[in-house]
N, C-alpha and C. Protein backbone atom coordinates (compact mmCIF):
# COMPACT_ATOMS: atom_id res chain seq x y z
N UNK A 1 75.50 -55.82 -34.21
CA UNK A 1 74.51 -56.47 -33.38
C UNK A 1 73.38 -55.52 -32.98
N UNK A 2 73.74 -54.26 -32.67
CA UNK A 2 72.73 -53.28 -32.29
C UNK A 2 71.72 -53.08 -33.41
N UNK A 3 72.20 -53.05 -34.66
CA UNK A 3 71.30 -52.83 -35.80
C UNK A 3 70.34 -54.00 -35.97
N UNK A 4 70.83 -55.21 -35.71
CA UNK A 4 69.97 -56.39 -35.82
C UNK A 4 68.87 -56.34 -34.77
N UNK A 5 69.24 -55.99 -33.53
CA UNK A 5 68.26 -55.92 -32.45
C UNK A 5 67.25 -54.81 -32.72
N UNK A 6 67.71 -53.65 -33.17
CA UNK A 6 66.79 -52.56 -33.49
C UNK A 6 65.85 -52.95 -34.62
N UNK A 7 66.39 -53.60 -35.64
CA UNK A 7 65.57 -54.05 -36.77
C UNK A 7 64.54 -55.06 -36.34
N UNK A 8 64.95 -56.01 -35.50
CA UNK A 8 64.04 -57.02 -34.99
C UNK A 8 62.95 -56.39 -34.13
N UNK A 9 63.32 -55.45 -33.28
CA UNK A 9 62.34 -54.76 -32.43
C UNK A 9 61.34 -54.00 -33.29
N UNK A 10 61.81 -53.34 -34.34
CA UNK A 10 60.91 -52.60 -35.22
C UNK A 10 59.97 -53.54 -35.95
N UNK A 11 60.48 -54.70 -36.38
CA UNK A 11 59.63 -55.67 -37.08
C UNK A 11 58.56 -56.23 -36.15
N UNK A 12 58.94 -56.53 -34.90
CA UNK A 12 57.96 -57.04 -33.93
C UNK A 12 56.91 -55.98 -33.64
N UNK A 13 57.32 -54.74 -33.46
CA UNK A 13 56.36 -53.65 -33.20
C UNK A 13 55.40 -53.49 -34.36
N UNK A 14 55.91 -53.54 -35.59
CA UNK A 14 55.04 -53.40 -36.77
C UNK A 14 54.06 -54.56 -36.86
N UNK A 15 54.53 -55.78 -36.57
CA UNK A 15 53.65 -56.94 -36.61
C UNK A 15 52.56 -56.84 -35.56
N UNK A 16 52.91 -56.36 -34.37
CA UNK A 16 51.91 -56.21 -33.31
C UNK A 16 50.85 -55.19 -33.69
N UNK A 17 51.24 -54.14 -34.38
CA UNK A 17 50.27 -53.12 -34.80
C UNK A 17 49.29 -53.71 -35.81
N UNK A 18 49.73 -54.65 -36.62
CA UNK A 18 48.85 -55.28 -37.59
C UNK A 18 47.94 -56.31 -36.95
N UNK A 19 48.46 -57.05 -35.97
CA UNK A 19 47.70 -58.11 -35.33
C UNK A 19 46.72 -57.59 -34.31
N UNK A 20 47.06 -56.56 -33.54
CA UNK A 20 46.21 -56.07 -32.46
C UNK A 20 44.81 -55.67 -32.92
N UNK A 21 44.64 -54.88 -34.02
CA UNK A 21 43.29 -54.55 -34.44
C UNK A 21 42.49 -55.77 -34.85
N UNK A 22 43.14 -56.74 -35.50
CA UNK A 22 42.43 -57.95 -35.89
C UNK A 22 41.97 -58.72 -34.66
N UNK A 23 42.83 -58.81 -33.64
CA UNK A 23 42.46 -59.50 -32.41
C UNK A 23 41.30 -58.80 -31.73
N UNK A 24 41.32 -57.47 -31.73
CA UNK A 24 40.23 -56.71 -31.11
C UNK A 24 38.92 -56.97 -31.84
N UNK A 25 38.99 -57.09 -33.15
CA UNK A 25 37.78 -57.34 -33.94
C UNK A 25 37.24 -58.76 -33.68
N UNK A 26 38.13 -59.74 -33.46
CA UNK A 26 37.73 -61.13 -33.34
C UNK A 26 36.98 -61.43 -32.04
N UNK A 27 37.55 -61.06 -30.90
CA UNK A 27 36.93 -61.48 -29.67
C UNK A 27 36.90 -60.42 -28.59
N UNK A 28 36.78 -59.19 -28.97
CA UNK A 28 36.82 -58.11 -27.99
C UNK A 28 35.68 -57.12 -28.24
N UNK A 29 35.11 -56.60 -27.16
CA UNK A 29 34.08 -55.58 -27.32
C UNK A 29 34.66 -54.18 -27.51
N UNK A 30 35.98 -54.06 -27.49
CA UNK A 30 36.62 -52.74 -27.60
C UNK A 30 36.31 -52.15 -28.97
N UNK A 31 35.84 -50.89 -28.96
CA UNK A 31 35.52 -50.20 -30.20
C UNK A 31 34.21 -49.45 -30.08
N UNK A 32 33.73 -48.99 -31.22
CA UNK A 32 32.48 -48.22 -31.27
C UNK A 32 31.36 -49.13 -31.76
N UNK A 33 30.24 -49.06 -31.06
CA UNK A 33 29.06 -49.89 -31.35
C UNK A 33 27.84 -48.99 -31.47
N UNK A 34 26.84 -49.44 -32.21
CA UNK A 34 25.61 -48.66 -32.36
C UNK A 34 24.39 -49.57 -32.31
N UNK A 35 23.25 -48.95 -32.04
CA UNK A 35 21.99 -49.67 -32.09
C UNK A 35 21.67 -49.95 -33.56
N UNK A 36 20.73 -50.84 -33.81
CA UNK A 36 20.37 -51.20 -35.18
C UNK A 36 20.07 -50.02 -36.08
N UNK A 37 19.23 -49.08 -35.65
CA UNK A 37 18.93 -47.93 -36.50
C UNK A 37 20.02 -46.85 -36.48
N UNK A 38 21.07 -47.04 -35.67
CA UNK A 38 22.16 -46.08 -35.62
C UNK A 38 21.84 -44.81 -34.85
N UNK A 39 20.82 -44.87 -33.98
CA UNK A 39 20.45 -43.66 -33.24
C UNK A 39 21.30 -43.43 -31.99
N UNK A 40 22.11 -44.43 -31.61
CA UNK A 40 23.01 -44.31 -30.46
C UNK A 40 24.33 -44.99 -30.82
N UNK A 41 25.45 -44.34 -30.44
CA UNK A 41 26.78 -44.94 -30.60
C UNK A 41 27.49 -44.89 -29.27
N UNK A 42 28.09 -46.03 -28.91
CA UNK A 42 28.78 -46.17 -27.63
C UNK A 42 30.16 -46.74 -27.90
N UNK A 43 31.16 -46.17 -27.23
CA UNK A 43 32.52 -46.67 -27.35
C UNK A 43 32.88 -47.44 -26.09
N UNK A 44 33.34 -48.68 -26.27
CA UNK A 44 33.73 -49.54 -25.15
C UNK A 44 35.23 -49.73 -25.12
N UNK A 45 35.77 -49.79 -23.90
CA UNK A 45 37.18 -50.08 -23.66
C UNK A 45 37.29 -50.90 -22.39
N UNK A 46 38.35 -51.71 -22.32
CA UNK A 46 38.62 -52.42 -21.08
C UNK A 46 39.09 -51.41 -20.05
N UNK A 47 38.79 -51.67 -18.79
CA UNK A 47 39.16 -50.75 -17.72
C UNK A 47 39.27 -51.54 -16.43
N UNK A 48 39.54 -50.84 -15.33
CA UNK A 48 39.54 -51.45 -14.02
C UNK A 48 40.74 -52.33 -13.76
N UNK A 49 40.62 -53.12 -12.76
CA UNK A 49 41.70 -53.99 -12.31
C UNK A 49 42.08 -54.99 -13.41
N UNK A 50 43.35 -54.95 -13.80
CA UNK A 50 43.89 -55.86 -14.82
C UNK A 50 43.14 -55.80 -16.15
N UNK A 51 42.48 -54.70 -16.42
CA UNK A 51 41.69 -54.54 -17.65
C UNK A 51 40.69 -55.68 -17.83
N UNK A 52 40.12 -56.16 -16.75
CA UNK A 52 39.13 -57.23 -16.80
C UNK A 52 37.70 -56.69 -16.84
N UNK A 53 37.54 -55.41 -16.54
CA UNK A 53 36.21 -54.81 -16.53
C UNK A 53 35.97 -54.08 -17.83
N UNK A 54 34.73 -53.70 -18.06
CA UNK A 54 34.36 -53.04 -19.31
C UNK A 54 33.71 -51.70 -19.00
N UNK A 55 34.17 -50.66 -19.69
CA UNK A 55 33.61 -49.32 -19.54
C UNK A 55 33.12 -48.85 -20.90
N UNK A 56 32.09 -48.02 -20.89
CA UNK A 56 31.54 -47.50 -22.15
C UNK A 56 31.13 -46.05 -22.03
N UNK A 57 31.32 -45.29 -23.12
CA UNK A 57 31.00 -43.87 -23.18
C UNK A 57 30.02 -43.62 -24.31
N UNK A 58 29.02 -42.80 -24.05
CA UNK A 58 28.07 -42.40 -25.08
C UNK A 58 28.76 -41.40 -26.00
N UNK A 59 28.86 -41.73 -27.29
CA UNK A 59 29.54 -40.86 -28.25
C UNK A 59 28.59 -40.16 -29.20
N UNK A 60 27.38 -40.70 -29.35
CA UNK A 60 26.40 -40.07 -30.24
C UNK A 60 25.00 -40.51 -29.83
N UNK A 61 24.06 -39.59 -29.90
CA UNK A 61 22.65 -39.94 -29.73
C UNK A 61 21.81 -39.00 -30.59
N UNK A 62 20.92 -39.59 -31.34
CA UNK A 62 20.00 -38.79 -32.15
C UNK A 62 19.02 -38.03 -31.25
N UNK A 63 18.73 -38.60 -30.08
CA UNK A 63 17.82 -38.00 -29.12
C UNK A 63 18.50 -36.77 -28.49
N UNK A 64 17.96 -35.61 -28.71
CA UNK A 64 18.54 -34.36 -28.22
C UNK A 64 17.95 -33.89 -26.89
N UNK A 65 17.13 -34.74 -26.26
CA UNK A 65 16.52 -34.35 -24.98
C UNK A 65 17.60 -34.20 -23.91
N UNK A 66 17.37 -33.31 -22.95
CA UNK A 66 18.33 -33.13 -21.85
C UNK A 66 18.58 -34.41 -21.07
N UNK A 67 17.57 -35.26 -20.95
CA UNK A 67 17.69 -36.53 -20.22
C UNK A 67 18.80 -37.41 -20.82
N UNK A 68 18.93 -37.37 -22.15
CA UNK A 68 19.93 -38.18 -22.85
C UNK A 68 21.23 -37.40 -23.03
N UNK A 69 21.14 -36.14 -23.40
CA UNK A 69 22.33 -35.34 -23.71
C UNK A 69 23.25 -35.14 -22.50
N UNK A 70 22.72 -35.28 -21.30
CA UNK A 70 23.59 -35.12 -20.12
C UNK A 70 24.62 -36.24 -20.03
N UNK A 71 24.43 -37.32 -20.78
CA UNK A 71 25.38 -38.43 -20.79
C UNK A 71 26.36 -38.36 -21.96
N UNK A 72 26.22 -37.37 -22.84
CA UNK A 72 27.09 -37.29 -24.02
C UNK A 72 28.55 -37.22 -23.61
N UNK A 73 29.36 -38.11 -24.18
CA UNK A 73 30.79 -38.24 -23.89
C UNK A 73 31.08 -38.55 -22.43
N UNK A 74 30.09 -39.12 -21.76
CA UNK A 74 30.26 -39.54 -20.37
C UNK A 74 30.10 -41.06 -20.31
N UNK A 75 30.56 -41.62 -19.22
CA UNK A 75 30.50 -43.05 -19.04
C UNK A 75 29.06 -43.51 -18.85
N UNK A 76 28.64 -44.46 -19.66
CA UNK A 76 27.30 -45.04 -19.54
C UNK A 76 27.37 -46.50 -19.09
N UNK A 77 28.57 -47.06 -19.08
CA UNK A 77 28.81 -48.37 -18.47
C UNK A 77 30.11 -48.22 -17.70
N UNK A 78 30.00 -48.34 -16.38
CA UNK A 78 31.17 -48.12 -15.54
C UNK A 78 31.62 -49.41 -14.87
N UNK A 79 32.74 -49.88 -15.32
CA UNK A 79 33.41 -51.03 -14.72
C UNK A 79 32.51 -52.24 -14.57
N UNK A 80 31.89 -52.66 -15.68
CA UNK A 80 31.11 -53.89 -15.65
C UNK A 80 32.07 -55.05 -15.41
N UNK A 81 31.66 -55.95 -14.55
CA UNK A 81 32.52 -57.05 -14.12
C UNK A 81 32.46 -58.22 -15.10
N UNK A 82 33.63 -58.76 -15.43
CA UNK A 82 33.67 -59.95 -16.30
C UNK A 82 33.08 -61.11 -15.51
N UNK A 83 32.08 -61.79 -16.10
CA UNK A 83 31.45 -62.92 -15.43
C UNK A 83 31.58 -64.21 -16.23
N UNK A 84 32.24 -64.13 -17.35
CA UNK A 84 32.46 -65.30 -18.20
C UNK A 84 33.26 -64.91 -19.41
N UNK A 85 33.52 -65.88 -20.26
CA UNK A 85 34.26 -65.59 -21.47
C UNK A 85 33.39 -64.71 -22.37
N UNK A 86 33.88 -63.52 -22.67
CA UNK A 86 33.19 -62.55 -23.54
C UNK A 86 31.84 -62.12 -22.94
N UNK A 87 31.77 -62.01 -21.59
CA UNK A 87 30.52 -61.65 -20.93
C UNK A 87 30.81 -60.78 -19.71
N UNK A 88 30.00 -59.69 -19.54
CA UNK A 88 30.17 -58.75 -18.44
C UNK A 88 28.82 -58.45 -17.82
N UNK A 89 28.84 -58.12 -16.53
CA UNK A 89 27.60 -57.81 -15.81
C UNK A 89 27.78 -56.48 -15.10
N UNK A 90 26.75 -55.62 -15.18
CA UNK A 90 26.82 -54.34 -14.50
C UNK A 90 25.69 -53.42 -14.90
N UNK A 91 25.87 -52.14 -14.59
CA UNK A 91 24.87 -51.12 -14.90
C UNK A 91 25.21 -50.46 -16.23
N UNK A 92 24.15 -50.07 -16.95
CA UNK A 92 24.29 -49.50 -18.28
C UNK A 92 23.20 -48.45 -18.44
N UNK A 93 23.54 -47.29 -18.99
CA UNK A 93 22.55 -46.25 -19.22
C UNK A 93 22.24 -46.20 -20.72
N UNK A 94 20.97 -46.35 -21.07
CA UNK A 94 20.54 -46.25 -22.46
C UNK A 94 19.30 -45.36 -22.50
N UNK A 95 19.34 -44.37 -23.35
CA UNK A 95 18.23 -43.41 -23.50
C UNK A 95 17.88 -42.74 -22.18
N UNK A 96 18.90 -42.53 -21.36
CA UNK A 96 18.69 -41.84 -20.09
C UNK A 96 18.17 -42.72 -18.97
N UNK A 97 18.01 -44.02 -19.24
CA UNK A 97 17.48 -44.95 -18.24
C UNK A 97 18.57 -45.91 -17.80
N UNK A 98 18.75 -46.05 -16.49
CA UNK A 98 19.77 -46.96 -15.94
C UNK A 98 19.20 -48.37 -15.89
N UNK A 99 19.96 -49.28 -16.49
CA UNK A 99 19.57 -50.68 -16.53
C UNK A 99 20.65 -51.51 -15.83
N UNK A 100 20.28 -52.65 -15.31
CA UNK A 100 21.24 -53.59 -14.77
C UNK A 100 21.07 -54.90 -15.53
N UNK A 101 22.19 -55.45 -15.98
CA UNK A 101 22.08 -56.69 -16.73
C UNK A 101 23.42 -57.23 -17.17
N UNK A 102 23.35 -58.09 -18.17
CA UNK A 102 24.52 -58.79 -18.68
C UNK A 102 24.72 -58.46 -20.15
N UNK A 103 25.97 -58.17 -20.50
CA UNK A 103 26.33 -57.91 -21.89
C UNK A 103 27.23 -59.04 -22.36
N UNK A 104 26.94 -59.56 -23.55
CA UNK A 104 27.69 -60.69 -24.08
C UNK A 104 28.10 -60.40 -25.51
N UNK A 105 29.36 -60.67 -25.82
CA UNK A 105 29.84 -60.56 -27.19
C UNK A 105 29.41 -61.83 -27.90
N UNK A 106 28.28 -61.76 -28.59
CA UNK A 106 27.70 -62.94 -29.22
C UNK A 106 28.43 -63.32 -30.50
N UNK A 107 28.81 -62.32 -31.25
CA UNK A 107 29.56 -62.49 -32.50
C UNK A 107 30.57 -61.37 -32.57
N UNK A 108 31.48 -61.45 -33.51
CA UNK A 108 32.50 -60.43 -33.68
C UNK A 108 31.88 -59.05 -33.82
N UNK A 109 30.70 -58.98 -34.42
CA UNK A 109 30.08 -57.69 -34.71
C UNK A 109 28.74 -57.47 -34.01
N UNK A 110 28.45 -58.27 -32.95
CA UNK A 110 27.18 -58.08 -32.23
C UNK A 110 27.35 -58.29 -30.73
N UNK A 111 26.95 -57.28 -29.97
CA UNK A 111 26.87 -57.35 -28.51
C UNK A 111 25.40 -57.50 -28.13
N UNK A 112 25.11 -58.42 -27.22
CA UNK A 112 23.75 -58.59 -26.74
C UNK A 112 23.69 -58.12 -25.29
N UNK A 113 22.71 -57.28 -24.98
CA UNK A 113 22.52 -56.81 -23.62
C UNK A 113 21.15 -57.26 -23.16
N UNK A 114 21.10 -57.93 -22.03
CA UNK A 114 19.85 -58.40 -21.43
C UNK A 114 19.77 -57.78 -20.05
N UNK A 115 18.78 -56.90 -19.83
CA UNK A 115 18.74 -56.21 -18.55
C UNK A 115 17.37 -55.71 -18.17
N UNK A 116 17.33 -55.08 -17.00
CA UNK A 116 16.07 -54.58 -16.44
C UNK A 116 16.25 -53.15 -15.93
N UNK A 117 15.19 -52.37 -16.04
CA UNK A 117 15.10 -51.04 -15.45
C UNK A 117 14.20 -51.20 -14.23
N UNK A 118 14.71 -50.83 -13.06
CA UNK A 118 13.95 -50.90 -11.80
C UNK A 118 13.40 -52.30 -11.52
N UNK A 119 14.08 -53.31 -12.02
CA UNK A 119 13.73 -54.72 -11.80
C UNK A 119 12.34 -55.12 -12.29
N UNK A 120 11.66 -54.23 -12.99
CA UNK A 120 10.31 -54.60 -13.45
C UNK A 120 10.15 -54.51 -14.97
N UNK A 121 10.92 -53.67 -15.61
CA UNK A 121 10.84 -53.55 -17.07
C UNK A 121 12.12 -54.16 -17.62
N UNK A 122 11.99 -55.33 -18.21
CA UNK A 122 13.15 -56.07 -18.67
C UNK A 122 13.08 -56.28 -20.18
N UNK A 123 14.26 -56.42 -20.78
CA UNK A 123 14.30 -56.65 -22.20
C UNK A 123 15.71 -56.91 -22.68
N UNK A 124 15.82 -57.14 -23.97
CA UNK A 124 17.11 -57.41 -24.58
C UNK A 124 17.26 -56.51 -25.79
N UNK A 125 18.48 -56.02 -26.01
CA UNK A 125 18.75 -55.27 -27.23
C UNK A 125 20.16 -55.61 -27.70
N UNK A 126 20.41 -55.32 -28.96
CA UNK A 126 21.70 -55.61 -29.57
C UNK A 126 22.41 -54.33 -29.96
N UNK A 127 23.72 -54.37 -29.93
CA UNK A 127 24.57 -53.31 -30.45
C UNK A 127 25.43 -53.93 -31.54
N UNK A 128 25.72 -53.15 -32.59
CA UNK A 128 26.47 -53.66 -33.73
C UNK A 128 27.74 -52.85 -33.92
N UNK A 129 28.84 -53.54 -34.23
CA UNK A 129 30.14 -52.92 -34.37
C UNK A 129 30.15 -51.90 -35.51
N UNK A 130 30.71 -50.72 -35.22
CA UNK A 130 30.85 -49.67 -36.23
C UNK A 130 32.25 -49.71 -36.81
N UNK A 131 33.25 -49.82 -35.93
CA UNK A 131 34.64 -49.81 -36.42
C UNK A 131 35.30 -51.15 -36.26
């Protein structure tokens, strides 16, 4: 009986390892994303209370200015609050500028961010899945 339970547990664990990445790809922002030209890469993970919030770290930037490089491997989205299905609201740092807005997983491979800097300069940009 022990061998059956161990075998079953191993099979379930193996199946979960195969299904989890596919699920993350389907409806989750978890992973590495980049701007269209690939000049910035950001890694997102769930965080906060009950993993309902979204956090992001700058992993690459072509811009070598001190204004941008001070964020390298640091959090650029801290605990954005889930405000809907596949949608989060909070602060985000891009190119050294802090923006406030909403990020939405529009498609499996596209995140849309709509936000403003200092409430006067507003715009939208997309991030595309790398992994």
